[in-house]
């Protein structure tokens, strides 16, 4: 028995990264955060694999109710948006699977349960992640080095490779963490 037909509405949002576009749907796509930079990495996602068939697709980020697509430098979003939007809409309305099997790619990447690490994770989750998600990305805590005060994070989705991500990292995230947790001296991004 096939799933009942559901009309899928999609709209696009630009992101601070000019090479990425956020395709927002009216349905939940994933309760997980998944990042694919190649068709091989997308082996558990038929939707991502098929999107990589388009020559302009360089990376795909799927979270909650949106897909962020990163294109090549030489492509123009004005021409690509209708193609990607129609494909995603038709794919989702057809009832084809988004994932073959669930897998968590990018959850909290640290087992550190120290009091400072827990404070950092809470601030990232409460204050920073919602803003980063608005721009089609994600941020994850990786490590806190207590002797140097350096916090290492991982940026994903549209944040990865974004020209303004360094400014966001240093002016926004680092300043907030330093203000709220005196032990933090610097925030760096891994990758």
C-alpha atoms as a PDB file:
ATOM      1  CA  UNK A   1       0.000   0.000   0.000  1.00  0.00           C
ATOM      2  CA  UNK A   2       1.459   3.360  -0.979  1.00  0.00           C
ATOM      3  CA  UNK A   3       1.494   6.433   1.205  1.00  0.00           C
ATOM      4  CA  UNK A   4      -1.379   8.875   0.695  1.00  0.00           C
ATOM      5  CA  UNK A   5      -0.616  11.692  -1.713  1.00  0.00           C
ATOM      6  CA  UNK A   6       0.520  14.862  -0.003  1.00  0.00           C
ATOM      7  CA  UNK A   7       0.919  18.165  -1.824  1.00  0.00           C
ATOM      8  CA  UNK A   8       4.409  19.477  -1.191  1.00  0.00           C
ATOM      9  CA  UNK A   9       5.045  23.193  -1.203  1.00  0.00           C
ATOM     10  CA  UNK A  10       8.607  24.441  -1.540  1.00  0.00           C
ATOM     11  CA  UNK A  11      10.053  27.898  -1.289  1.00  0.00           C
ATOM     12  CA  UNK A  12      13.654  29.009  -1.430  1.00  0.00           C
ATOM     13  CA  UNK A  13      15.697  31.162   0.899  1.00  0.00           C
ATOM     14  CA  UNK A  14      19.081  32.577   0.059  1.00  0.00           C
ATOM     15  CA  UNK A  15      21.869  31.972   2.547  1.00  0.00           C
ATOM     16  CA  UNK A  16      24.935  34.034   3.425  1.00  0.00           C
ATOM     17  CA  UNK A  17      26.916  31.612   1.255  1.00  0.00           C
ATOM     18  CA  UNK A  18      26.235  32.676  -2.369  1.00  0.00           C
ATOM     19  CA  UNK A  19      26.932  29.142  -3.579  1.00  0.00           C
ATOM     20  CA  UNK A  20      24.137  27.595  -1.488  1.00  0.00           C
ATOM     21  CA  UNK A  21      20.364  27.832  -1.603  1.00  0.00           C
ATOM     22  CA  UNK A  22      17.919  26.609   1.027  1.00  0.00           C
ATOM     23  CA  UNK A  23      14.855  24.696  -0.268  1.00  0.00           C
ATOM     24  CA  UNK A  24      12.223  24.721   2.477  1.00  0.00           C
ATOM     25  CA  UNK A  25       9.309  22.255   2.364  1.00  0.00           C
ATOM     26  CA  UNK A  26       6.017  21.991   4.215  1.00  0.00           C
ATOM     27  CA  UNK A  27       6.864  18.544   5.577  1.00  0.00           C
ATOM     28  CA  UNK A  28       9.409  16.988   7.880  1.00  0.00           C
ATOM     29  CA  UNK A  29      12.275  15.480   5.882  1.00  0.00           C
ATOM     30  CA  UNK A  30      14.551  14.334   8.685  1.00  0.00           C
ATOM     31  CA  UNK A  31      14.843  14.494  12.427  1.00  0.00           C
ATOM     32  CA  UNK A  32      18.562  14.218  11.870  1.00  0.00           C
ATOM     33  CA  UNK A  33      21.188  16.451  10.311  1.00  0.00           C
ATOM     34  CA  UNK A  34      22.851  14.913   7.260  1.00  0.00           C
ATOM     35  CA  UNK A  35      25.603  16.358   5.100  1.00  0.00           C
ATOM     36  CA  UNK A  36      26.687  14.832   1.779  1.00  0.00           C
ATOM     37  CA  UNK A  37      29.566  16.045  -0.373  1.00  0.00           C
ATOM     38  CA  UNK A  38      29.476  13.184  -2.879  1.00  0.00           C
ATOM     39  CA  UNK A  39      27.125  10.571  -4.297  1.00  0.00           C
ATOM     40  CA  UNK A  40      29.135   7.906  -2.419  1.00  0.00           C
ATOM     41  CA  UNK A  41      28.431   9.586   0.929  1.00  0.00           C
ATOM     42  CA  UNK A  42      24.740   9.680   0.001  1.00  0.00           C
ATOM     43  CA  UNK A  43      24.414   5.895  -0.254  1.00  0.00           C
ATOM     44  CA  UNK A  44      21.625   5.830   2.372  1.00  0.00           C
ATOM     45  CA  UNK A  45      19.637   8.652   0.768  1.00  0.00           C
ATOM     46  CA  UNK A  46      18.036   7.975  -2.618  1.00  0.00           C
ATOM     47  CA  UNK A  47      16.901  11.612  -2.770  1.00  0.00           C
ATOM     48  CA  UNK A  48      20.440  12.943  -2.249  1.00  0.00           C
ATOM     49  CA  UNK A  49      21.845  10.413  -4.740  1.00  0.00           C
ATOM     50  CA  UNK A  50      19.410  11.576  -7.410  1.00  0.00           C
ATOM     51  CA  UNK A  51      20.129  15.242  -6.694  1.00  0.00           C
ATOM     52  CA  UNK A  52      23.818  14.521  -7.320  1.00  0.00           C
ATOM     53  CA  UNK A  53      22.802  13.479 -10.860  1.00  0.00           C
ATOM     54  CA  UNK A  54      22.467  17.190 -11.595  1.00  0.00           C
ATOM     55  CA  UNK A  55      25.927  18.421 -12.654  1.00  0.00           C
ATOM     56  CA  UNK A  56      25.588  21.671 -10.690  1.00  0.00           C
ATOM     57  CA  UNK A  57      25.095  19.921  -7.304  1.00  0.00           C
ATOM     58  CA  UNK A  58      28.328  19.889  -5.263  1.00  0.00           C
ATOM     59  CA  UNK A  59      26.944  19.247  -1.743  1.00  0.00           C
ATOM     60  CA  UNK A  60      23.612  18.493  -0.064  1.00  0.00           C
ATOM     61  CA  UNK A  61      22.571  19.183   3.510  1.00  0.00           C
ATOM     62  CA  UNK A  62      19.266  17.769   4.810  1.00  0.00           C
ATOM     63  CA  UNK A  63      17.754  18.806   8.131  1.00  0.00           C
ATOM     64  CA  UNK A  64      14.249  19.054   9.525  1.00  0.00           C
ATOM     65  CA  UNK A  65      12.113  20.518   6.725  1.00  0.00           C
ATOM     66  CA  UNK A  66      14.763  21.804   4.340  1.00  0.00           C
ATOM     67  CA  UNK A  67      17.485  20.829   1.905  1.00  0.00           C
ATOM     68  CA  UNK A  68      20.449  23.097   1.311  1.00  0.00           C
ATOM     69  CA  UNK A  69      22.159  22.607  -2.050  1.00  0.00           C
ATOM     70  CA  UNK A  70      25.643  23.894  -2.813  1.00  0.00           C
ATOM     71  CA  UNK A  71      26.331  24.572  -6.482  1.00  0.00           C
ATOM     72  CA  UNK A  72      29.488  25.174  -8.496  1.00  0.00           C
ATOM     73  CA  UNK A  73      30.982  28.657  -8.861  1.00  0.00           C
ATOM     74  CA  UNK A  74      30.067  29.056 -12.542  1.00  0.00           C
ATOM     75  CA  UNK A  75      26.353  28.324 -12.207  1.00  0.00           C
ATOM     76  CA  UNK A  76      23.563  30.874 -11.805  1.00  0.00           C
ATOM     77  CA  UNK A  77      20.867  30.257  -9.182  1.00  0.00           C
ATOM     78  CA  UNK A  78      18.269  32.052 -11.321  1.00  0.00           C
ATOM     79  CA  UNK A  79      18.432  29.164 -13.801  1.00  0.00           C
ATOM     80  CA  UNK A  80      18.935  26.364 -11.253  1.00  0.00           C
ATOM     81  CA  UNK A  81      16.269  27.129  -8.658  1.00  0.00           C
ATOM     82  CA  UNK A  82      13.258  26.123 -10.804  1.00  0.00           C
ATOM     83  CA  UNK A  83      14.963  22.876 -11.865  1.00  0.00           C
ATOM     84  CA  UNK A  84      15.924  21.840  -8.315  1.00  0.00           C
ATOM     85  CA  UNK A  85      12.621  23.013  -6.824  1.00  0.00           C
ATOM     86  CA  UNK A  86      10.524  21.046  -9.340  1.00  0.00           C
ATOM     87  CA  UNK A  87      12.633  17.941  -8.920  1.00  0.00           C
ATOM     88  CA  UNK A  88      12.455  17.987  -5.109  1.00  0.00           C
ATOM     89  CA  UNK A  89       8.686  18.665  -5.191  1.00  0.00           C
ATOM     90  CA  UNK A  90       7.993  15.819  -7.645  1.00  0.00           C
ATOM     91  CA  UNK A  91      10.268  13.428  -5.759  1.00  0.00           C
ATOM     92  CA  UNK A  92       8.621  14.106  -2.392  1.00  0.00           C
ATOM     93  CA  UNK A  93       5.080  13.979  -3.827  1.00  0.00           C
ATOM     94  CA  UNK A  94       5.825  10.617  -5.444  1.00  0.00           C
ATOM     95  CA  UNK A  95       6.322   9.075  -1.995  1.00  0.00           C
ATOM     96  CA  UNK A  96       9.814   7.815  -2.786  1.00  0.00           C
ATOM     97  CA  UNK A  97      12.047   7.367   0.272  1.00  0.00           C
ATOM     98  CA  UNK A  98      14.327  10.129   1.464  1.00  0.00           C
ATOM     99  CA  UNK A  99      16.449   7.592   3.358  1.00  0.00           C
ATOM    100  CA  UNK A 100      16.908   3.849   2.984  1.00  0.00           C
ATOM    101  CA  UNK A 101      17.906   3.491   6.601  1.00  0.00           C
ATOM    102  CA  UNK A 102      18.349   6.099   9.261  1.00  0.00           C
ATOM    103  CA  UNK A 103      21.834   7.102  10.230  1.00  0.00           C
ATOM    104  CA  UNK A 104      23.065   9.961  12.348  1.00  0.00           C
ATOM    105  CA  UNK A 105      25.905  11.770  10.655  1.00  0.00           C
ATOM    106  CA  UNK A 106      26.503  14.877  12.656  1.00  0.00           C
ATOM    107  CA  UNK A 107      25.045  14.688  16.133  1.00  0.00           C
ATOM    108  CA  UNK A 108      26.991  16.082  19.081  1.00  0.00           C
ATOM    109  CA  UNK A 109      30.507  15.055  18.140  1.00  0.00           C
ATOM    110  CA  UNK A 110      31.884  15.025  21.682  1.00  0.00           C
ATOM    111  CA  UNK A 111      31.502  12.825  24.728  1.00  0.00           C
ATOM    112  CA  UNK A 112      32.917  15.597  26.927  1.00  0.00           C
ATOM    113  CA  UNK A 113      30.583  15.985  29.896  1.00  0.00           C
ATOM    114  CA  UNK A 114      32.683  18.437  31.892  1.00  0.00           C
ATOM    115  CA  UNK A 115      30.755  21.395  33.375  1.00  0.00           C
ATOM    116  CA  UNK A 116      32.291  23.870  30.887  1.00  0.00           C
ATOM    117  CA  UNK A 117      31.661  21.606  27.900  1.00  0.00           C
ATOM    118  CA  UNK A 118      28.033  21.183  28.976  1.00  0.00           C
ATOM    119  CA  UNK A 119      27.645  24.988  29.244  1.00  0.00           C
ATOM    120  CA  UNK A 120      29.159  25.415  25.763  1.00  0.00           C
ATOM    121  CA  UNK A 121      26.846  22.768  24.285  1.00  0.00           C
ATOM    122  CA  UNK A 122      23.836  24.430  25.929  1.00  0.00           C
ATOM    123  CA  UNK A 123      24.735  27.877  24.562  1.00  0.00           C
ATOM    124  CA  UNK A 124      25.340  26.454  21.091  1.00  0.00           C
ATOM    125  CA  UNK A 125      22.013  24.587  21.147  1.00  0.00           C
ATOM    126  CA  UNK A 126      19.968  27.421  22.683  1.00  0.00           C
ATOM    127  CA  UNK A 127      21.354  30.603  21.133  1.00  0.00           C
ATOM    128  CA  UNK A 128      23.536  29.801  18.156  1.00  0.00           C
ATOM    129  CA  UNK A 129      22.074  26.742  16.413  1.00  0.00           C
ATOM    130  CA  UNK A 130      18.665  28.375  15.706  1.00  0.00           C
ATOM    131  CA  UNK A 131      20.378  31.307  13.967  1.00  0.00           C
ATOM    132  CA  UNK A 132      22.688  29.001  11.998  1.00  0.00           C
ATOM    133  CA  UNK A 133      19.704  26.854  10.928  1.00  0.00           C
ATOM    134  CA  UNK A 134      17.978  29.982   9.600  1.00  0.00           C
ATOM    135  CA  UNK A 135      20.891  30.264   7.175  1.00  0.00           C
ATOM    136  CA  UNK A 136      20.655  26.590   6.123  1.00  0.00           C
ATOM    137  CA  UNK A 137      23.496  25.259   8.244  1.00  0.00           C
ATOM    138  CA  UNK A 138      24.422  23.573  11.477  1.00  0.00           C
ATOM    139  CA  UNK A 139      27.084  23.903  14.156  1.00  0.00           C
ATOM    140  CA  UNK A 140      28.334  21.116  16.412  1.00  0.00           C
ATOM    141  CA  UNK A 141      30.572  21.104  19.455  1.00  0.00           C
ATOM    142  CA  UNK A 142      33.709  19.010  18.966  1.00  0.00           C
ATOM    143  CA  UNK A 143      36.102  19.812  21.823  1.00  0.00           C
ATOM    144  CA  UNK A 144      37.051  22.190  24.608  1.00  0.00           C
ATOM    145  CA  UNK A 145      40.713  22.401  25.592  1.00  0.00           C
ATOM    146  CA  UNK A 146      40.749  23.615  29.225  1.00  0.00           C
ATOM    147  CA  UNK A 147      44.430  24.584  29.299  1.00  0.00           C
ATOM    148  CA  UNK A 148      44.189  26.939  26.297  1.00  0.00           C
ATOM    149  CA  UNK A 149      40.470  27.796  26.477  1.00  0.00           C
ATOM    150  CA  UNK A 150      39.988  26.906  22.795  1.00  0.00           C
ATOM    151  CA  UNK A 151      36.595  25.605  21.667  1.00  0.00           C
ATOM    152  CA  UNK A 152      36.534  23.570  18.452  1.00  0.00           C
ATOM    153  CA  UNK A 153      33.277  23.375  16.485  1.00  0.00           C
ATOM    154  CA  UNK A 154      32.208  21.849  13.186  1.00  0.00           C
ATOM    155  CA  UNK A 155      30.226  23.951  10.688  1.00  0.00           C
ATOM    156  CA  UNK A 156      27.991  22.124   8.201  1.00  0.00           C
ATOM    157  CA  UNK A 157      25.541  22.915   5.415  1.00  0.00           C
ATOM    158  CA  UNK A 158      25.648  26.421   3.979  1.00  0.00           C
ATOM    159  CA  UNK A 159      28.060  27.488   6.736  1.00  0.00           C
ATOM    160  CA  UNK A 160      30.791  25.215   5.415  1.00  0.00           C
ATOM    161  CA  UNK A 161      32.811  27.252   2.948  1.00  0.00           C
ATOM    162  CA  UNK A 162      30.714  30.375   3.384  1.00  0.00           C
ATOM    163  CA  UNK A 163      32.746  33.570   2.908  1.00  0.00           C
ATOM    164  CA  UNK A 164      31.161  35.127   6.001  1.00  0.00           C
ATOM    165  CA  UNK A 165      31.518  32.054   8.246  1.00  0.00           C
ATOM    166  CA  UNK A 166      34.835  33.268   9.700  1.00  0.00           C
ATOM    167  CA  UNK A 167      33.256  36.592  10.637  1.00  0.00           C
ATOM    168  CA  UNK A 168      30.264  34.784  12.160  1.00  0.00           C
ATOM    169  CA  UNK A 169      32.567  32.405  14.011  1.00  0.00           C
ATOM    170  CA  UNK A 170      34.800  35.112  15.451  1.00  0.00           C
ATOM    171  CA  UNK A 171      32.456  38.085  15.838  1.00  0.00           C
ATOM    172  CA  UNK A 172      29.313  36.222  16.821  1.00  0.00           C
ATOM    173  CA  UNK A 173      29.964  32.795  18.267  1.00  0.00           C
ATOM    174  CA  UNK A 174      33.353  33.458  19.859  1.00  0.00           C
ATOM    175  CA  UNK A 175      32.249  36.769  21.395  1.00  0.00           C
ATOM    176  CA  UNK A 176      29.113  35.197  22.870  1.00  0.00           C
ATOM    177  CA  UNK A 177      30.945  32.212  24.340  1.00  0.00           C
ATOM    178  CA  UNK A 178      33.725  34.413  25.776  1.00  0.00           C
ATOM    179  CA  UNK A 179      31.136  36.706  27.346  1.00  0.00           C
ATOM    180  CA  UNK A 180      29.097  33.863  28.852  1.00  0.00           C
ATOM    181  CA  UNK A 181      31.969  31.525  29.802  1.00  0.00           C
ATOM    182  CA  UNK A 182      35.142  33.309  30.956  1.00  0.00           C
ATOM    183  CA  UNK A 183      37.246  30.147  30.477  1.00  0.00           C
ATOM    184  CA  UNK A 184      36.745  30.359  26.686  1.00  0.00           C
ATOM    185  CA  UNK A 185      39.525  32.267  24.925  1.00  0.00           C
ATOM    186  CA  UNK A 186      38.940  31.342  21.273  1.00  0.00           C
ATOM    187  CA  UNK A 187      36.596  29.422  18.961  1.00  0.00           C
ATOM    188  CA  UNK A 188      37.947  27.605  15.910  1.00  0.00           C
ATOM    189  CA  UNK A 189      36.241  25.555  13.213  1.00  0.00           C
ATOM    190  CA  UNK A 190      37.482  22.125  12.269  1.00  0.00           C
ATOM    191  CA  UNK A 191      37.591  21.247   8.594  1.00  0.00           C
END
